[in-house]
C-alpha atoms as a PDB file:
ATOM      1  CA  UNK A   1       6.404 -97.293-105.972  1.00  0.00           C
ATOM      2  CA  UNK A   2       4.758 -95.879-102.534  1.00  0.00           C
ATOM      3  CA  UNK A   3       7.172 -98.562-100.598  1.00  0.00           C
ATOM      4  CA  UNK A   4      10.390 -97.822-102.219  1.00  0.00           C
ATOM      5  CA  UNK A   5       9.497 -93.720-101.750  1.00  0.00           C
ATOM      6  CA  UNK A   6       8.976 -95.398 -97.768  1.00  0.00           C
ATOM      7  CA  UNK A   7      12.688 -96.545 -97.972  1.00  0.00           C
ATOM      8  CA  UNK A   8      13.985 -94.266 -99.523  1.00  0.00           C
ATOM      9  CA  UNK A   9      12.967 -91.257 -97.374  1.00  0.00           C
ATOM     10  CA  UNK A  10      13.770 -94.074 -94.258  1.00  0.00           C
ATOM     11  CA  UNK A  11      17.051 -94.619 -95.567  1.00  0.00           C
ATOM     12  CA  UNK A  12      17.689 -90.253 -96.074  1.00  0.00           C
ATOM     13  CA  UNK A  13      16.227 -90.137 -92.364  1.00  0.00           C
ATOM     14  CA  UNK A  14      19.157 -92.885 -91.471  1.00  0.00           C
ATOM     15  CA  UNK A  15      21.779 -90.971 -93.632  1.00  0.00           C
ATOM     16  CA  UNK A  16      20.976 -87.293 -91.993  1.00  0.00           C
ATOM     17  CA  UNK A  17      21.698 -88.814 -88.557  1.00  0.00           C
ATOM     18  CA  UNK A  18      24.911 -90.545 -89.576  1.00  0.00           C
ATOM     19  CA  UNK A  19      26.354 -87.262 -90.884  1.00  0.00           C
ATOM     20  CA  UNK A  20      24.999 -85.227 -87.561  1.00  0.00           C
ATOM     21  CA  UNK A  21      26.807 -87.992 -85.486  1.00  0.00           C
ATOM     22  CA  UNK A  22      29.874 -87.227 -87.231  1.00  0.00           C
ATOM     23  CA  UNK A  23      29.563 -83.543 -87.540  1.00  0.00           C
ATOM     24  CA  UNK A  24      28.850 -83.000 -84.073  1.00  0.00           C
ATOM     25  CA  UNK A  25      31.847 -85.445 -82.296  1.00  0.00           C
ATOM     26  CA  UNK A  26      33.745 -83.132 -84.748  1.00  0.00           C
ATOM     27  CA  UNK A  27      32.748 -79.624 -84.400  1.00  0.00           C
ATOM     28  CA  UNK A  28      31.082 -80.003 -80.683  1.00  0.00           C
ATOM     29  CA  UNK A  29      26.602 -79.830 -80.316  1.00  0.00           C
ATOM     30  CA  UNK A  30      26.763 -76.083 -80.371  1.00  0.00           C
ATOM     31  CA  UNK A  31      29.401 -75.458 -83.258  1.00  0.00           C
ATOM     32  CA  UNK A  32      27.723 -78.080 -86.024  1.00  0.00           C
ATOM     33  CA  UNK A  33      25.442 -76.369 -88.438  1.00  0.00           C
ATOM     34  CA  UNK A  34      22.861 -77.829 -90.577  1.00  0.00           C
ATOM     35  CA  UNK A  35      24.861 -77.088 -93.250  1.00  0.00           C
ATOM     36  CA  UNK A  36      27.673 -78.820 -92.269  1.00  0.00           C
ATOM     37  CA  UNK A  37      25.390 -81.360 -91.467  1.00  0.00           C
ATOM     38  CA  UNK A  38      23.902 -81.404 -95.386  1.00  0.00           C
ATOM     39  CA  UNK A  39      27.352 -81.379 -96.823  1.00  0.00           C
ATOM     40  CA  UNK A  40      28.049 -84.084 -94.875  1.00  0.00           C
ATOM     41  CA  UNK A  41      24.885 -86.543 -96.097  1.00  0.00           C
ATOM     42  CA  UNK A  42      25.307 -84.977 -99.656  1.00  0.00           C
ATOM     43  CA  UNK A  43      21.936 -83.275 -99.006  1.00  0.00           C
ATOM     44  CA  UNK A  44      20.528 -79.681 -99.255  1.00  0.00           C
ATOM     45  CA  UNK A  45      19.378 -78.423 -96.374  1.00  0.00           C
ATOM     46  CA  UNK A  46      15.546 -78.170 -96.642  1.00  0.00           C
ATOM     47  CA  UNK A  47      16.135 -82.071 -96.688  1.00  0.00           C
ATOM     48  CA  UNK A  48      16.859 -81.669 -93.374  1.00  0.00           C
ATOM     49  CA  UNK A  49      13.812 -80.041 -92.396  1.00  0.00           C
ATOM     50  CA  UNK A  50      11.316 -82.014 -94.011  1.00  0.00           C
ATOM     51  CA  UNK A  51      12.847 -84.883 -91.498  1.00  0.00           C
ATOM     52  CA  UNK A  52      13.526 -83.232 -88.436  1.00  0.00           C
ATOM     53  CA  UNK A  53      12.656 -79.854 -86.659  1.00  0.00           C
ATOM     54  CA  UNK A  54      16.002 -78.380 -87.325  1.00  0.00           C
ATOM     55  CA  UNK A  55      18.983 -79.143 -85.275  1.00  0.00           C
ATOM     56  CA  UNK A  56      17.397 -79.644 -81.348  1.00  0.00           C
ATOM     57  CA  UNK A  57      15.444 -82.133 -83.431  1.00  0.00           C
ATOM     58  CA  UNK A  58      18.300 -84.603 -85.004  1.00  0.00           C
ATOM     59  CA  UNK A  59      20.607 -83.711 -81.740  1.00  0.00           C
ATOM     60  CA  UNK A  60      16.994 -85.718 -79.944  1.00  0.00           C
ATOM     61  CA  UNK A  61      16.873 -88.431 -82.973  1.00  0.00           C
ATOM     62  CA  UNK A  62      20.448 -89.323 -82.572  1.00  0.00           C
ATOM     63  CA  UNK A  63      20.017 -89.222 -78.635  1.00  0.00           C
ATOM     64  CA  UNK A  64      17.345 -91.577 -78.064  1.00  0.00           C
ATOM     65  CA  UNK A  65      17.228 -93.363 -81.459  1.00  0.00           C
ATOM     66  CA  UNK A  66      20.606 -95.195 -80.992  1.00  0.00           C
ATOM     67  CA  UNK A  67      20.640 -97.339 -77.736  1.00  0.00           C
ATOM     68  CA  UNK A  68      24.004 -97.974 -76.503  1.00  0.00           C
ATOM     69  CA  UNK A  69      25.389-101.950 -76.078  1.00  0.00           C
ATOM     70  CA  UNK A  70      25.667-101.077 -72.976  1.00  0.00           C
ATOM     71  CA  UNK A  71      21.785-100.680 -72.236  1.00  0.00           C
ATOM     72  CA  UNK A  72      21.214-104.234 -73.489  1.00  0.00           C
ATOM     73  CA  UNK A  73      19.041-105.791 -70.848  1.00  0.00           C
ATOM     74  CA  UNK A  74      20.924-108.293 -68.774  1.00  0.00           C
ATOM     75  CA  UNK A  75      19.512-111.685 -69.284  1.00  0.00           C
ATOM     76  CA  UNK A  76      17.231-112.198 -65.505  1.00  0.00           C
ATOM     77  CA  UNK A  77      18.811-115.749 -65.038  1.00  0.00           C
ATOM     78  CA  UNK A  78      22.168-114.856 -65.948  1.00  0.00           C
ATOM     79  CA  UNK A  79      24.817-116.293 -63.659  1.00  0.00           C
ATOM     80  CA  UNK A  80      28.237-113.418 -62.776  1.00  0.00           C
ATOM     81  CA  UNK A  81      30.665-115.557 -65.339  1.00  0.00           C
ATOM     82  CA  UNK A  82      28.991-114.568 -68.479  1.00  0.00           C
ATOM     83  CA  UNK A  83      27.682-111.831 -67.503  1.00  0.00           C
ATOM     84  CA  UNK A  84      30.789-110.378 -66.552  1.00  0.00           C
ATOM     85  CA  UNK A  85      31.863-111.406 -70.075  1.00  0.00           C
ATOM     86  CA  UNK A  86      28.331-109.715 -71.596  1.00  0.00           C
ATOM     87  CA  UNK A  87      29.447-106.396 -69.699  1.00  0.00           C
ATOM     88  CA  UNK A  88      33.291-106.545 -71.178  1.00  0.00           C
ATOM     89  CA  UNK A  89      31.339-106.763 -74.423  1.00  0.00           C
ATOM     90  CA  UNK A  90      29.142-104.435 -74.962  1.00  0.00           C
ATOM     91  CA  UNK A  91      32.228-101.849 -73.498  1.00  0.00           C
ATOM     92  CA  UNK A  92      34.321-103.162 -76.344  1.00  0.00           C
ATOM     93  CA  UNK A  93      31.387-102.569 -78.370  1.00  0.00           C
ATOM     94  CA  UNK A  94      30.910 -98.837 -77.473  1.00  0.00           C
ATOM     95  CA  UNK A  95      34.331 -98.173 -78.284  1.00  0.00           C
ATOM     96  CA  UNK A  96      34.218-100.444 -82.287  1.00  0.00           C
ATOM     97  CA  UNK A  97      30.943 -99.449 -83.086  1.00  0.00           C
ATOM     98  CA  UNK A  98      31.573 -96.499 -85.066  1.00  0.00           C
ATOM     99  CA  UNK A  99      27.909 -94.443 -84.132  1.00  0.00           C
ATOM    100  CA  UNK A 100      28.148 -95.703 -80.591  1.00  0.00           C
ATOM    101  CA  UNK A 101      31.209 -93.923 -80.408  1.00  0.00           C
ATOM    102  CA  UNK A 102      30.657 -91.090 -81.914  1.00  0.00           C
ATOM    103  CA  UNK A 103      27.424 -90.815 -79.693  1.00  0.00           C
ATOM    104  CA  UNK A 104      29.619 -91.342 -77.061  1.00  0.00           C
ATOM    105  CA  UNK A 105      31.903 -88.885 -77.531  1.00  0.00           C
ATOM    106  CA  UNK A 106      29.523 -86.010 -78.088  1.00  0.00           C
ATOM    107  CA  UNK A 107      27.679 -86.442 -74.674  1.00  0.00           C
ATOM    108  CA  UNK A 108      30.887 -86.572 -72.927  1.00  0.00           C
ATOM    109  CA  UNK A 109      32.845 -84.428 -75.083  1.00  0.00           C
ATOM    110  CA  UNK A 110      31.546 -82.329 -77.699  1.00  0.00           C
ATOM    111  CA  UNK A 111      28.239 -80.787 -75.450  1.00  0.00           C
ATOM    112  CA  UNK A 112      27.960 -77.979 -73.643  1.00  0.00           C
ATOM    113  CA  UNK A 113      25.876 -78.307 -70.373  1.00  0.00           C
ATOM    114  CA  UNK A 114      23.051 -75.958 -70.457  1.00  0.00           C
ATOM    115  CA  UNK A 115      20.417 -74.419 -67.660  1.00  0.00           C
ATOM    116  CA  UNK A 116      17.600 -76.070 -67.443  1.00  0.00           C
ATOM    117  CA  UNK A 117      16.314 -78.887 -69.663  1.00  0.00           C
ATOM    118  CA  UNK A 118      19.058 -80.680 -71.321  1.00  0.00           C
ATOM    119  CA  UNK A 119      18.900 -83.522 -73.725  1.00  0.00           C
ATOM    120  CA  UNK A 120      22.094 -84.736 -73.168  1.00  0.00           C
ATOM    121  CA  UNK A 121      22.051 -84.857 -69.856  1.00  0.00           C
ATOM    122  CA  UNK A 122      18.915 -87.133 -69.463  1.00  0.00           C
ATOM    123  CA  UNK A 123      20.672 -89.063 -71.731  1.00  0.00           C
ATOM    124  CA  UNK A 124      23.676 -89.532 -69.836  1.00  0.00           C
ATOM    125  CA  UNK A 125      20.867 -90.592 -67.139  1.00  0.00           C
ATOM    126  CA  UNK A 126      19.173 -93.295 -68.644  1.00  0.00           C
ATOM    127  CA  UNK A 127      22.674 -94.727 -69.529  1.00  0.00           C
ATOM    128  CA  UNK A 128      23.805 -94.688 -66.029  1.00  0.00           C
ATOM    129  CA  UNK A 129      20.344 -96.225 -64.989  1.00  0.00           C
ATOM    130  CA  UNK A 130      20.246 -98.749 -67.616  1.00  0.00           C
ATOM    131  CA  UNK A 131      23.718 -99.770 -66.252  1.00  0.00           C
ATOM    132  CA  UNK A 132      22.765 -99.316 -62.994  1.00  0.00           C
ATOM    133  CA  UNK A 133      20.454-102.277 -63.185  1.00  0.00           C
ATOM    134  CA  UNK A 134      22.186-104.359 -65.638  1.00  0.00           C
ATOM    135  CA  UNK A 135      24.959-104.678 -62.981  1.00  0.00           C
ATOM    136  CA  UNK A 136      22.146-105.107 -59.615  1.00  0.00           C
ATOM    137  CA  UNK A 137      20.874-107.895 -61.798  1.00  0.00           C
ATOM    138  CA  UNK A 138      24.183-109.264 -61.918  1.00  0.00           C
ATOM    139  CA  UNK A 139      25.043-109.357 -58.681  1.00  0.00           C
ATOM    140  CA  UNK A 140      21.872-109.944 -57.116  1.00  0.00           C
ATOM    141  CA  UNK A 141      21.981-113.144 -59.586  1.00  0.00           C
ATOM    142  CA  UNK A 142      26.274-114.079 -57.884  1.00  0.00           C
ATOM    143  CA  UNK A 143      25.257-114.011 -54.780  1.00  0.00           C
ATOM    144  CA  UNK A 144      22.034-116.086 -55.075  1.00  0.00           C
ATOM    145  CA  UNK A 145      23.998-118.762 -56.576  1.00  0.00           C
ATOM    146  CA  UNK A 146      26.702-118.088 -53.863  1.00  0.00           C
ATOM    147  CA  UNK A 147      28.915-116.778 -56.412  1.00  0.00           C
ATOM    148  CA  UNK A 148      29.915-114.105 -54.482  1.00  0.00           C
ATOM    149  CA  UNK A 149      29.813-113.033 -50.609  1.00  0.00           C
ATOM    150  CA  UNK A 150      26.076-111.742 -49.810  1.00  0.00           C
ATOM    151  CA  UNK A 151      27.217-109.838 -47.525  1.00  0.00           C
ATOM    152  CA  UNK A 152      28.677-107.192 -50.868  1.00  0.00           C
ATOM    153  CA  UNK A 153      26.386-103.825 -50.243  1.00  0.00           C
ATOM    154  CA  UNK A 154      25.063-103.832 -54.180  1.00  0.00           C
ATOM    155  CA  UNK A 155      24.417 -99.588 -53.554  1.00  0.00           C
ATOM    156  CA  UNK A 156      27.822 -98.942 -53.068  1.00  0.00           C
ATOM    157  CA  UNK A 157      29.175-101.043 -55.821  1.00  0.00           C
ATOM    158  CA  UNK A 158      27.374 -99.623 -58.310  1.00  0.00           C
ATOM    159  CA  UNK A 159      27.952 -96.220 -57.756  1.00  0.00           C
ATOM    160  CA  UNK A 160      31.693 -96.923 -57.415  1.00  0.00           C
ATOM    161  CA  UNK A 161      31.321 -99.494 -60.577  1.00  0.00           C
ATOM    162  CA  UNK A 162      29.556 -96.402 -62.646  1.00  0.00           C
ATOM    163  CA  UNK A 163      32.221 -93.712 -61.437  1.00  0.00           C
ATOM    164  CA  UNK A 164      34.637 -95.937 -62.720  1.00  0.00           C
ATOM    165  CA  UNK A 165      33.135 -97.157 -66.085  1.00  0.00           C
ATOM    166  CA  UNK A 166      32.352 -93.496 -67.286  1.00  0.00           C
ATOM    167  CA  UNK A 167      35.858 -92.538 -66.124  1.00  0.00           C
ATOM    168  CA  UNK A 168      36.903 -94.799 -68.248  1.00  0.00           C
ATOM    169  CA  UNK A 169      34.856 -94.108 -71.136  1.00  0.00           C
ATOM    170  CA  UNK A 170      35.710 -90.645 -71.209  1.00  0.00           C
ATOM    171  CA  UNK A 171      39.658 -90.847 -70.923  1.00  0.00           C
ATOM    172  CA  UNK A 172      39.773 -93.622 -74.075  1.00  0.00           C
ATOM    173  CA  UNK A 173      36.924 -91.712 -76.113  1.00  0.00           C
ATOM    174  CA  UNK A 174      39.528 -88.791 -75.434  1.00  0.00           C
ATOM    175  CA  UNK A 175      42.935 -90.818 -75.943  1.00  0.00           C
ATOM    176  CA  UNK A 176      41.773 -92.997 -78.802  1.00  0.00           C
ATOM    177  CA  UNK A 177      41.422 -95.811 -80.242  1.00  0.00           C
ATOM    178  CA  UNK A 178      44.690 -97.344 -78.743  1.00  0.00           C
ATOM    179  CA  UNK A 179      43.945 -97.166 -75.428  1.00  0.00           C
ATOM    180  CA  UNK A 180      41.584 -99.320 -75.686  1.00  0.00           C
ATOM    181  CA  UNK A 181      43.329-102.110 -73.798  1.00  0.00           C
ATOM    182  CA  UNK A 182      42.647 -99.564 -70.279  1.00  0.00           C
ATOM    183  CA  UNK A 183      38.942-101.606 -70.757  1.00  0.00           C
ATOM    184  CA  UNK A 184      39.954-105.273 -69.884  1.00  0.00           C
ATOM    185  CA  UNK A 185      42.690-103.449 -67.297  1.00  0.00           C
ATOM    186  CA  UNK A 186      39.565-102.244 -65.145  1.00  0.00           C
ATOM    187  CA  UNK A 187      37.203-104.529 -65.511  1.00  0.00           C
ATOM    188  CA  UNK A 188      39.915-107.468 -64.335  1.00  0.00           C
ATOM    189  CA  UNK A 189      40.677-104.898 -61.563  1.00  0.00           C
ATOM    190  CA  UNK A 190      37.273-104.351 -60.492  1.00  0.00           C
ATOM    191  CA  UNK A 191      36.411-108.249 -60.611  1.00  0.00           C
ATOM    192  CA  UNK A 192      39.311-108.940 -58.410  1.00  0.00           C
ATOM    193  CA  UNK A 193      37.355-106.381 -56.465  1.00  0.00           C
ATOM    194  CA  UNK A 194      34.175-108.371 -56.620  1.00  0.00           C
ATOM    195  CA  UNK A 195      36.071-111.780 -54.995  1.00  0.00           C
ATOM    196  CA  UNK A 196      37.756-110.273 -52.350  1.00  0.00           C
ATOM    197  CA  UNK A 197      36.048-107.157 -51.959  1.00  0.00           C
ATOM    198  CA  UNK A 198      37.347-104.484 -49.060  1.00  0.00           C
ATOM    199  CA  UNK A 199      35.633-103.904 -46.112  1.00  0.00           C
ATOM    200  CA  UNK A 200      33.819-100.927 -47.123  1.00  0.00           C
ATOM    201  CA  UNK A 201      31.768-102.780 -49.816  1.00  0.00           C
ATOM    202  CA  UNK A 202      30.385-104.887 -46.944  1.00  0.00           C
ATOM    203  CA  UNK A 203      27.265-104.164 -45.887  1.00  0.00           C
ATOM    204  CA  UNK A 204      27.870-102.605 -42.280  1.00  0.00           C
ATOM    205  CA  UNK A 205      25.787-105.266 -40.057  1.00  0.00           C
ATOM    206  CA  UNK A 206      28.344-107.952 -42.265  1.00  0.00           C
ATOM    207  CA  UNK A 207      31.809-105.820 -40.107  1.00  0.00           C
ATOM    208  CA  UNK A 208      29.520-106.002 -37.240  1.00  0.00           C
ATOM    209  CA  UNK A 209      28.144-102.433 -37.663  1.00  0.00           C
ATOM    210  CA  UNK A 210      24.910-101.571 -35.946  1.00  0.00           C
END
């Protein structure tokens, strides 16, 4: 009986988080209320307090307990082609998985920036750092395996890719699922540039600069 009660509590907690994702996504973080979340979850407001310390605690749980597909570590020795495919799949899953899509939309469209300790900004920074680390792993492997030019400026490319992917997600999340075809189009463009890098994507010494 105790085990079943524990399982029931864990299931209820997940249902509350799922309901919160829907309400935050619909109303925004500031506009969402515990009453609306309780109604969405089919429970009482008091039940939320049994699991979380108010709306802020619920928001923290949603942000911290649900990694996005984009955060999956890149295998250390992966070669470029499967690694690039893995990156594309992660982007597609971020848009197709309900909670990942809602969480992304909450962070990019439905949060209000606040002064001081902003949990949404902190979460976005962790996602950016994880993405850049995966990209670095992929590029370093590809350069070591002679799959890409060994003179690529990884730091610059990381900044460019991060800006492109952030903008892509922002647009797709705003415009709806019908615009998900932008994902492979963007990735094809970035892949082409990696194999045909403009001069400023190469380290200065590779351009004959000192």
